[in-house]
Amino acid sequence: MPIKKEDEFVIYVITLSGIKRYMSIEFIGGSCGYIIAQKALQSDLLGMIGSMIAPMAIRRLLQWQQRKSERQMRFGIRSLTKPSKLSPT
């Protein structure tokens, strides 16, 4: 664990869009997960489990989409900047 000096402090900046995104994923995703799991499985306990799993799944899906788009953009830029070699036929 790093040793901090007494005169140092850390400021965290949380944007309003980040708060809105978090709230919408948690509330809307959790509510939908509860309703879907409760109706499909006919159990309140499994509905509560679904309300916890749904936001996690949404966040994982969004992270996967972000990584996929970054990977495609990276490859797209590389293919535009890297000169292609013509092979003799």
PDB file of N, CA and C in Angstrom:
ATOM      1  N   MET A   1       0.840  -1.164   0.000  1.00  0.00           N
ATOM      2  CA  MET A   1       0.000   0.000   0.000  1.00  0.00           C
ATOM      3  C   MET A   1       0.894   1.238   0.000  1.00  0.00           C
ATOM      4  N   PRO A   2       0.652   2.169  -0.912  1.00  0.00           N
ATOM      5  CA  PRO A   2       1.515   3.349  -0.977  1.00  0.00           C
ATOM      6  C   PRO A   2       1.326   4.248   0.239  1.00  0.00           C
ATOM      7  N   ILE A   3       2.411   4.861   0.631  1.00  0.00           N
ATOM      8  CA  ILE A   3       2.382   5.765   1.776  1.00  0.00           C
ATOM      9  C   ILE A   3       2.053   7.162   1.261  1.00  0.00           C
ATOM     10  N   LYS A   4       1.014   7.769   1.826  1.00  0.00           N
ATOM     11  CA  LYS A   4       0.613   9.116   1.414  1.00  0.00           C
ATOM     12  C   LYS A   4       1.128  10.134   2.414  1.00  0.00           C
ATOM     13  N   LYS A   5       1.535  11.238   1.877  1.00  0.00           N
ATOM     14  CA  LYS A   5       1.926  12.342   2.743  1.00  0.00           C
ATOM     15  C   LYS A   5       0.658  13.019   3.248  1.00  0.00           C
ATOM     16  N   GLU A   6       0.765  13.713   4.337  1.00  0.00           N
ATOM     17  CA  GLU A   6      -0.409  14.336   4.942  1.00  0.00           C
ATOM     18  C   GLU A   6      -0.945  15.496   4.121  1.00  0.00           C
ATOM     19  N   ASP A   7      -0.110  16.152   3.323  1.00  0.00           N
ATOM     20  CA  ASP A   7      -0.562  17.315   2.581  1.00  0.00           C
ATOM     21  C   ASP A   7      -1.091  16.976   1.189  1.00  0.00           C
ATOM     22  N   GLU A   8      -1.179  15.705   0.847  1.00  0.00           N
ATOM     23  CA  GLU A   8      -1.707  15.303  -0.455  1.00  0.00           C
ATOM     24  C   GLU A   8      -3.185  14.957  -0.336  1.00  0.00           C
ATOM     25  N   PHE A   9      -3.908  15.247  -1.406  1.00  0.00           N
ATOM     26  CA  PHE A   9      -5.309  14.858  -1.452  1.00  0.00           C
ATOM     27  C   PHE A   9      -5.683  14.525  -2.896  1.00  0.00           C
ATOM     28  N   VAL A  10      -6.746  13.771  -3.041  1.00  0.00           N
ATOM     29  CA  VAL A  10      -7.182  13.308  -4.343  1.00  0.00           C
ATOM     30  C   VAL A  10      -8.574  13.854  -4.615  1.00  0.00           C
ATOM     31  N   ILE A  11      -8.794  14.350  -5.819  1.00  0.00           N
ATOM     32  CA  ILE A  11     -10.107  14.852  -6.225  1.00  0.00           C
ATOM     33  C   ILE A  11     -10.645  13.935  -7.304  1.00  0.00           C
ATOM     34  N   TYR A  12     -11.834  13.417  -7.092  1.00  0.00           N
ATOM     35  CA  TYR A  12     -12.506  12.592  -8.079  1.00  0.00           C
ATOM     36  C   TYR A  12     -13.593  13.433  -8.739  1.00  0.00           C
ATOM     37  N   VAL A  13     -13.606  13.435 -10.062  1.00  0.00           N
ATOM     38  CA  VAL A  13     -14.618  14.169 -10.809  1.00  0.00           C
ATOM     39  C   VAL A  13     -15.592  13.159 -11.393  1.00  0.00           C
ATOM     40  N   ILE A  14     -16.849  13.310 -11.017  1.00  0.00           N
ATOM     41  CA  ILE A  14     -17.892  12.425 -11.527  1.00  0.00           C
ATOM     42  C   ILE A  14     -18.838  13.282 -12.345  1.00  0.00           C
ATOM     43  N   THR A  15     -18.964  12.949 -13.612  1.00  0.00           N
ATOM     44  CA  THR A  15     -19.807  13.749 -14.491  1.00  0.00           C
ATOM     45  C   THR A  15     -21.275  13.393 -14.292  1.00  0.00           C
ATOM     46  N   LEU A  16     -22.127  14.320 -14.651  1.00  0.00           N
ATOM     47  CA  LEU A  16     -23.562  14.091 -14.546  1.00  0.00           C
ATOM     48  C   LEU A  16     -24.006  12.979 -15.490  1.00  0.00           C
ATOM     49  N   SER A  17     -23.385  12.902 -16.660  1.00  0.00           N
ATOM     50  CA  SER A  17     -23.747  11.832 -17.594  1.00  0.00           C
ATOM     51  C   SER A  17     -23.378  10.467 -17.037  1.00  0.00           C
ATOM     52  N   GLY A  18     -22.275  10.395 -16.288  1.00  0.00           N
ATOM     53  CA  GLY A  18     -21.893   9.136 -15.649  1.00  0.00           C
ATOM     54  C   GLY A  18     -22.896   8.717 -14.586  1.00  0.00           C
ATOM     55  N   ILE A  19     -23.390   9.687 -13.832  1.00  0.00           N
ATOM     56  CA  ILE A  19     -24.397   9.395 -12.810  1.00  0.00           C
ATOM     57  C   ILE A  19     -25.697   8.945 -13.463  1.00  0.00           C
ATOM     58  N   LYS A  20     -26.096   9.636 -14.534  1.00  0.00           N
ATOM     59  CA  LYS A  20     -27.328   9.251 -15.235  1.00  0.00           C
ATOM     60  C   LYS A  20     -27.212   7.846 -15.819  1.00  0.00           C
ATOM     61  N   ARG A  21     -26.062   7.545 -16.380  1.00  0.00           N
ATOM     62  CA  ARG A  21     -25.850   6.215 -16.965  1.00  0.00           C
ATOM     63  C   ARG A  21     -25.923   5.136 -15.886  1.00  0.00           C
ATOM     64  N   TYR A  22     -25.270   5.378 -14.757  1.00  0.00           N
ATOM     65  CA  TYR A  22     -25.286   4.423 -13.655  1.00  0.00           C
ATOM     66  C   TYR A  22     -26.703   4.212 -13.131  1.00  0.00           C
ATOM     67  N   MET A  23     -27.421   5.313 -12.920  1.00  0.00           N
ATOM     68  CA  MET A  23     -28.781   5.223 -12.385  1.00  0.00           C
ATOM     69  C   MET A  23     -29.706   4.492 -13.343  1.00  0.00           C
ATOM     70  N   SER A  24     -29.579   4.779 -14.637  1.00  0.00           N
ATOM     71  CA  SER A  24     -30.470   4.124 -15.595  1.00  0.00           C
ATOM     72  C   SER A  24     -30.164   2.632 -15.696  1.00  0.00           C
ATOM     73  N   ILE A  25     -28.896   2.273 -15.683  1.00  0.00           N
ATOM     74  CA  ILE A  25     -28.549   0.846 -15.731  1.00  0.00           C
ATOM     75  C   ILE A  25     -29.046   0.141 -14.478  1.00  0.00           C
ATOM     76  N   GLU A  26     -28.836   0.744 -13.315  1.00  0.00           N
ATOM     77  CA  GLU A  26     -29.229   0.096 -12.063  1.00  0.00           C
ATOM     78  C   GLU A  26     -30.739   0.024 -11.906  1.00  0.00           C
ATOM     79  N   PHE A  27     -31.430   1.142 -12.091  1.00  0.00           N
ATOM     80  CA  PHE A  27     -32.869   1.151 -11.836  1.00  0.00           C
ATOM     81  C   PHE A  27     -33.665   0.470 -12.936  1.00  0.00           C
ATOM     82  N   ILE A  28     -33.436   0.880 -14.165  1.00  0.00           N
ATOM     83  CA  ILE A  28     -34.216   0.304 -15.264  1.00  0.00           C
ATOM     84  C   ILE A  28     -33.815  -1.145 -15.500  1.00  0.00           C
ATOM     85  N   GLY A  29     -32.515  -1.407 -15.546  1.00  0.00           N
ATOM     86  CA  GLY A  29     -32.047  -2.781 -15.754  1.00  0.00           C
ATOM     87  C   GLY A  29     -32.443  -3.699 -14.622  1.00  0.00           C
ATOM     88  N   GLY A  30     -32.331  -3.223 -13.377  1.00  0.00           N
ATOM     89  CA  GLY A  30     -32.706  -4.028 -12.225  1.00  0.00           C
ATOM     90  C   GLY A  30     -34.200  -4.318 -12.183  1.00  0.00           C
ATOM     91  N   SER A  31     -35.004  -3.303 -12.503  1.00  0.00           N
ATOM     92  CA  SER A  31     -36.459  -3.502 -12.512  1.00  0.00           C
ATOM     93  C   SER A  31     -36.875  -4.480 -13.604  1.00  0.00           C
ATOM     94  N   CYS A  32     -36.315  -4.296 -14.787  1.00  0.00           N
ATOM     95  CA  CYS A  32     -36.644  -5.212 -15.887  1.00  0.00           C
ATOM     96  C   CYS A  32     -36.176  -6.632 -15.577  1.00  0.00           C
ATOM     97  N   GLY A  33     -34.996  -6.761 -15.011  1.00  0.00           N
ATOM     98  CA  GLY A  33     -34.495  -8.082 -14.643  1.00  0.00           C
ATOM     99  C   GLY A  33     -35.387  -8.759 -13.619  1.00  0.00           C
ATOM    100  N   TYR A  34     -35.878  -7.971 -12.644  1.00  0.00           N
ATOM    101  CA  TYR A  34     -36.771  -8.537 -11.632  1.00  0.00           C
ATOM    102  C   TYR A  34     -38.084  -9.001 -12.266  1.00  0.00           C
ATOM    103  N   ILE A  35     -38.678  -8.144 -13.076  1.00  0.00           N
ATOM    104  CA  ILE A  35     -39.979  -8.475 -13.685  1.00  0.00           C
ATOM    105  C   ILE A  35     -39.859  -9.692 -14.591  1.00  0.00           C
ATOM    106  N   ILE A  36     -38.833  -9.709 -15.429  1.00  0.00           N
ATOM    107  CA  ILE A  36     -38.670 -10.824 -16.373  1.00  0.00           C
ATOM    108  C   ILE A  36     -38.416 -12.132 -15.624  1.00  0.00           C
ATOM    109  N   ALA A  37     -37.489 -12.111 -14.660  1.00  0.00           N
ATOM    110  CA  ALA A  37     -37.168 -13.339 -13.934  1.00  0.00           C
ATOM    111  C   ALA A  37     -38.339 -13.790 -13.066  1.00  0.00           C
ATOM    112  N   GLN A  38     -39.037 -12.849 -12.450  1.00  0.00           N
ATOM    113  CA  GLN A  38     -40.148 -13.203 -11.578  1.00  0.00           C
ATOM    114  C   GLN A  38     -41.308 -13.787 -12.377  1.00  0.00           C
ATOM    115  N   LYS A  39     -41.614 -13.196 -13.531  1.00  0.00           N
ATOM    116  CA  LYS A  39     -42.712 -13.700 -14.354  1.00  0.00           C
ATOM    117  C   LYS A  39     -42.345 -15.030 -15.019  1.00  0.00           C
ATOM    118  N   ALA A  40     -41.123 -15.144 -15.491  1.00  0.00           N
ATOM    119  CA  ALA A  40     -40.728 -16.358 -16.208  1.00  0.00           C
ATOM    120  C   ALA A  40     -40.556 -17.542 -15.265  1.00  0.00           C
ATOM    121  N   LEU A  41     -39.999 -17.301 -14.082  1.00  0.00           N
ATOM    122  CA  LEU A  41     -39.687 -18.407 -13.185  1.00  0.00           C
ATOM    123  C   LEU A  41     -40.668 -18.547 -12.025  1.00  0.00           C
ATOM    124  N   GLN A  42     -41.635 -17.633 -11.905  1.00  0.00           N
ATOM    125  CA  GLN A  42     -42.677 -17.684 -10.880  1.00  0.00           C
ATOM    126  C   GLN A  42     -42.108 -17.771  -9.459  1.00  0.00           C
ATOM    127  N   SER A  43     -41.082 -16.971  -9.212  1.00  0.00           N
ATOM    128  CA  SER A  43     -40.465 -16.990  -7.888  1.00  0.00           C
ATOM    129  C   SER A  43     -39.934 -15.599  -7.563  1.00  0.00           C
ATOM    130  N   ASP A  44     -40.289 -15.097  -6.381  1.00  0.00           N
ATOM    131  CA  ASP A  44     -39.784 -13.785  -5.970  1.00  0.00           C
ATOM    132  C   ASP A  44     -38.290 -13.817  -5.684  1.00  0.00           C
ATOM    133  N   LEU A  45     -37.819 -14.920  -5.145  1.00  0.00           N
ATOM    134  CA  LEU A  45     -36.393 -15.054  -4.857  1.00  0.00           C
ATOM    135  C   LEU A  45     -35.576 -14.994  -6.147  1.00  0.00           C
ATOM    136  N   LEU A  46     -36.006 -15.733  -7.154  1.00  0.00           N
ATOM    137  CA  LEU A  46     -35.291 -15.696  -8.432  1.00  0.00           C
ATOM    138  C   LEU A  46     -35.480 -14.348  -9.132  1.00  0.00           C
ATOM    139  N   GLY A  47     -36.578 -13.678  -8.862  1.00  0.00           N
ATOM    140  CA  GLY A  47     -36.757 -12.319  -9.376  1.00  0.00           C
ATOM    141  C   GLY A  47     -35.740 -11.361  -8.786  1.00  0.00           C
ATOM    142  N   MET A  48     -35.487 -11.489  -7.474  1.00  0.00           N
ATOM    143  CA  MET A  48     -34.474 -10.637  -6.835  1.00  0.00           C
ATOM    144  C   MET A  48     -33.082 -10.945  -7.379  1.00  0.00           C
ATOM    145  N   ILE A  49     -32.807 -12.211  -7.615  1.00  0.00           N
ATOM    146  CA  ILE A  49     -31.514 -12.585  -8.192  1.00  0.00           C
ATOM    147  C   ILE A  49     -31.393 -12.014  -9.600  1.00  0.00           C
ATOM    148  N   GLY A  50     -32.480 -12.067 -10.368  1.00  0.00           N
ATOM    149  CA  GLY A  50     -32.484 -11.485 -11.706  1.00  0.00           C
ATOM    150  C   GLY A  50     -32.265  -9.984 -11.677  1.00  0.00           C
ATOM    151  N   SER A  51     -32.799  -9.304 -10.641  1.00  0.00           N
ATOM    152  CA  SER A  51     -32.605  -7.853 -10.539  1.00  0.00           C
ATOM    153  C   SER A  51     -31.159  -7.502 -10.219  1.00  0.00           C
ATOM    154  N   MET A  52     -30.398  -8.431  -9.640  1.00  0.00           N
ATOM    155  CA  MET A  52     -28.977  -8.183  -9.388  1.00  0.00           C
ATOM    156  C   MET A  52     -28.123  -8.550 -10.600  1.00  0.00           C
ATOM    157  N   ILE A  53     -28.528  -9.583 -11.311  1.00  0.00           N
ATOM    158  CA  ILE A  53     -27.741 -10.060 -12.446  1.00  0.00           C
ATOM    159  C   ILE A  53     -27.913  -9.170 -13.683  1.00  0.00           C
ATOM    160  N   ALA A  54     -29.102  -8.633 -13.889  1.00  0.00           N
ATOM    161  CA  ALA A  54     -29.379  -7.845 -15.104  1.00  0.00           C
ATOM    162  C   ALA A  54     -28.455  -6.629 -15.250  1.00  0.00           C
ATOM    163  N   PRO A  55     -28.269  -5.782 -14.215  1.00  0.00           N
ATOM    164  CA  PRO A  55     -27.336  -4.654 -14.390  1.00  0.00           C
ATOM    165  C   PRO A  55     -25.898  -5.088 -14.663  1.00  0.00           C
ATOM    166  N   MET A  56     -25.476  -6.201 -14.033  1.00  0.00           N
ATOM    167  CA  MET A  56     -24.125  -6.708 -14.302  1.00  0.00           C
ATOM    168  C   MET A  56     -23.987  -7.126 -15.759  1.00  0.00           C
ATOM    169  N   ALA A  57     -25.004  -7.791 -16.270  1.00  0.00           N
ATOM    170  CA  ALA A  57     -24.974  -8.238 -17.661  1.00  0.00           C
ATOM    171  C   ALA A  57     -24.992  -7.053 -18.620  1.00  0.00           C
ATOM    172  N   ILE A  58     -25.769  -6.026 -18.290  1.00  0.00           N
ATOM    173  CA  ILE A  58     -25.818  -4.832 -19.147  1.00  0.00           C
ATOM    174  C   ILE A  58     -24.459  -4.153 -19.177  1.00  0.00           C
ATOM    175  N   ARG A  59     -23.823  -4.009 -17.990  1.00  0.00           N
ATOM    176  CA  ARG A  59     -22.498  -3.385 -17.960  1.00  0.00           C
ATOM    177  C   ARG A  59     -21.476  -4.185 -18.743  1.00  0.00           C
ATOM    178  N   ARG A  60     -21.501  -5.511 -18.620  1.00  0.00           N
ATOM    179  CA  ARG A  60     -20.572  -6.356 -19.384  1.00  0.00           C
ATOM    180  C   ARG A  60     -20.803  -6.208 -20.878  1.00  0.00           C
ATOM    181  N   LEU A  61     -22.071  -6.157 -21.283  1.00  0.00           N
ATOM    182  CA  LEU A  61     -22.395  -5.999 -22.705  1.00  0.00           C
ATOM    183  C   LEU A  61     -21.891  -4.664 -23.230  1.00  0.00           C
ATOM    184  N   LEU A  62     -22.073  -3.599 -22.457  1.00  0.00           N
ATOM    185  CA  LEU A  62     -21.588  -2.281 -22.879  1.00  0.00           C
ATOM    186  C   LEU A  62     -20.065  -2.242 -22.946  1.00  0.00           C
ATOM    187  N   GLN A  63     -19.379  -2.881 -21.990  1.00  0.00           N
ATOM    188  CA  GLN A  63     -17.917  -2.946 -22.038  1.00  0.00           C
ATOM    189  C   GLN A  63     -17.446  -3.728 -23.256  1.00  0.00           C
ATOM    190  N   TRP A  64     -18.133  -4.824 -23.561  1.00  0.00           N
ATOM    191  CA  TRP A  64     -17.764  -5.634 -24.724  1.00  0.00           C
ATOM    192  C   TRP A  64     -17.953  -4.833 -26.007  1.00  0.00           C
ATOM    193  N   GLN A  65     -19.054  -4.097 -26.119  1.00  0.00           N
ATOM    194  CA  GLN A  65     -19.283  -3.275 -27.304  1.00  0.00           C
ATOM    195  C   GLN A  65     -18.223  -2.194 -27.431  1.00  0.00           C
ATOM    196  N   GLN A  66     -17.840  -1.594 -26.308  1.00  0.00           N
ATOM    197  CA  GLN A  66     -16.824  -0.551 -26.349  1.00  0.00           C
ATOM    198  C   GLN A  66     -15.472  -1.119 -26.785  1.00  0.00           C
ATOM    199  N   ARG A  67     -15.090  -2.274 -26.231  1.00  0.00           N
ATOM    200  CA  ARG A  67     -13.826  -2.897 -26.646  1.00  0.00           C
ATOM    201  C   ARG A  67     -13.861  -3.292 -28.107  1.00  0.00           C
ATOM    202  N   LYS A  68     -14.999  -3.790 -28.569  1.00  0.00           N
ATOM    203  CA  LYS A  68     -15.133  -4.201 -29.964  1.00  0.00           C
ATOM    204  C   LYS A  68     -15.001  -2.999 -30.894  1.00  0.00           C
ATOM    205  N   SER A  69     -15.638  -1.891 -30.550  1.00  0.00           N
ATOM    206  CA  SER A  69     -15.549  -0.707 -31.406  1.00  0.00           C
ATOM    207  C   SER A  69     -14.141  -0.116 -31.383  1.00  0.00           C
ATOM    208  N   GLU A  70     -13.471  -0.145 -30.231  1.00  0.00           N
ATOM    209  CA  GLU A  70     -12.088   0.342 -30.169  1.00  0.00           C
ATOM    210  C   GLU A  70     -11.173  -0.525 -31.012  1.00  0.00           C
ATOM    211  N   ARG A  71     -11.385  -1.840 -30.968  1.00  0.00           N
ATOM    212  CA  ARG A  71     -10.573  -2.761 -31.750  1.00  0.00           C
ATOM    213  C   ARG A  71     -10.787  -2.532 -33.241  1.00  0.00           C
ATOM    214  N   GLN A  72     -12.036  -2.333 -33.656  1.00  0.00           N
ATOM    215  CA  GLN A  72     -12.318  -2.106 -35.069  1.00  0.00           C
ATOM    216  C   GLN A  72     -11.724  -0.781 -35.521  1.00  0.00           C
ATOM    217  N   MET A  73     -11.821   0.242 -34.678  1.00  0.00           N
ATOM    218  CA  MET A  73     -11.278   1.537 -35.037  1.00  0.00           C
ATOM    219  C   MET A  73      -9.758   1.463 -35.134  1.00  0.00           C
ATOM    220  N   ARG A  74      -9.141   0.750 -34.213  1.00  0.00           N
ATOM    221  CA  ARG A  74      -7.690   0.618 -34.222  1.00  0.00           C
ATOM    222  C   ARG A  74      -7.221  -0.093 -35.483  1.00  0.00           C
ATOM    223  N   PHE A  75      -7.897  -1.174 -35.850  1.00  0.00           N
ATOM    224  CA  PHE A  75      -7.526  -1.896 -37.058  1.00  0.00           C
ATOM    225  C   PHE A  75      -7.817  -1.077 -38.302  1.00  0.00           C
ATOM    226  N   GLY A  76      -8.902  -0.317 -38.298  1.00  0.00           N
ATOM    227  CA  GLY A  76      -9.246   0.517 -39.437  1.00  0.00           C
ATOM    228  C   GLY A  76      -8.212   1.597 -39.671  1.00  0.00           C
ATOM    229  N   ILE A  77      -7.750   2.238 -38.602  1.00  0.00           N
ATOM    230  CA  ILE A  77      -6.735   3.282 -38.726  1.00  0.00           C
ATOM    231  C   ILE A  77      -5.418   2.676 -39.178  1.00  0.00           C
ATOM    232  N   ARG A  78      -5.078   1.525 -38.636  1.00  0.00           N
ATOM    233  CA  ARG A  78      -3.826   0.881 -38.990  1.00  0.00           C
ATOM    234  C   ARG A  78      -3.819   0.506 -40.475  1.00  0.00           C
ATOM    235  N   SER A  79      -4.954   0.014 -40.968  1.00  0.00           N
ATOM    236  CA  SER A  79      -4.978  -0.388 -42.363  1.00  0.00           C
ATOM    237  C   SER A  79      -4.920   0.815 -43.295  1.00  0.00           C
ATOM    238  N   LEU A  80      -5.386   1.982 -42.822  1.00  0.00           N
ATOM    239  CA  LEU A  80      -5.314   3.174 -43.653  1.00  0.00           C
ATOM    240  C   LEU A  80      -3.915   3.778 -43.654  1.00  0.00           C
ATOM    241  N   THR A  81      -3.222   3.705 -42.536  1.00  0.00           N
ATOM    242  CA  THR A  81      -1.915   4.330 -42.459  1.00  0.00           C
ATOM    243  C   THR A  81      -0.779   3.430 -42.907  1.00  0.00           C
ATOM    244  N   LYS A  82      -0.953   2.122 -42.811  1.00  0.00           N
ATOM    245  CA  LYS A  82       0.092   1.191 -43.175  1.00  0.00           C
ATOM    246  C   LYS A  82       0.061   0.928 -44.680  1.00  0.00           C
ATOM    247  N   PRO A  83       1.151   1.180 -45.380  1.00  0.00           N
ATOM    248  CA  PRO A  83       1.140   0.934 -46.829  1.00  0.00           C
ATOM    249  C   PRO A  83       1.066  -0.556 -47.108  1.00  0.00           C
ATOM    250  N   SER A  84       0.221  -0.894 -48.041  1.00  0.00           N
ATOM    251  CA  SER A  84       0.065  -2.316 -48.376  1.00  0.00           C
ATOM    252  C   SER A  84       1.105  -2.697 -49.428  1.00  0.00           C
ATOM    253  N   LYS A  85       1.612  -3.893 -49.307  1.00  0.00           N
ATOM    254  CA  LYS A  85       2.597  -4.395 -50.258  1.00  0.00           C
ATOM    255  C   LYS A  85       1.870  -5.172 -51.339  1.00  0.00           C
ATOM    256  N   LEU A  86       2.221  -4.882 -52.548  1.00  0.00           N
ATOM    257  CA  LEU A  86       1.624  -5.601 -53.666  1.00  0.00           C
ATOM    258  C   LEU A  86       2.455  -6.852 -53.941  1.00  0.00           C
ATOM    259  N   SER A  87       1.817  -7.964 -54.002  1.00  0.00           N
ATOM    260  CA  SER A  87       2.546  -9.194 -54.268  1.00  0.00           C
ATOM    261  C   SER A  87       2.489  -9.492 -55.769  1.00  0.00           C
ATOM    262  N   PRO A  88       3.608  -9.903 -56.353  1.00  0.00           N
ATOM    263  CA  PRO A  88       3.587 -10.224 -57.792  1.00  0.00           C
ATOM    264  C   PRO A  88       2.796 -11.512 -58.030  1.00  0.00           C
ATOM    265  N   THR A  89       2.011 -11.494 -59.081  1.00  0.00           N
ATOM    266  CA  THR A  89       1.232 -12.692 -59.411  1.00  0.00           C
ATOM    267  C   THR A  89       1.663 -13.293 -60.699  1.00  0.00           C
TER     268      THR A  89
END
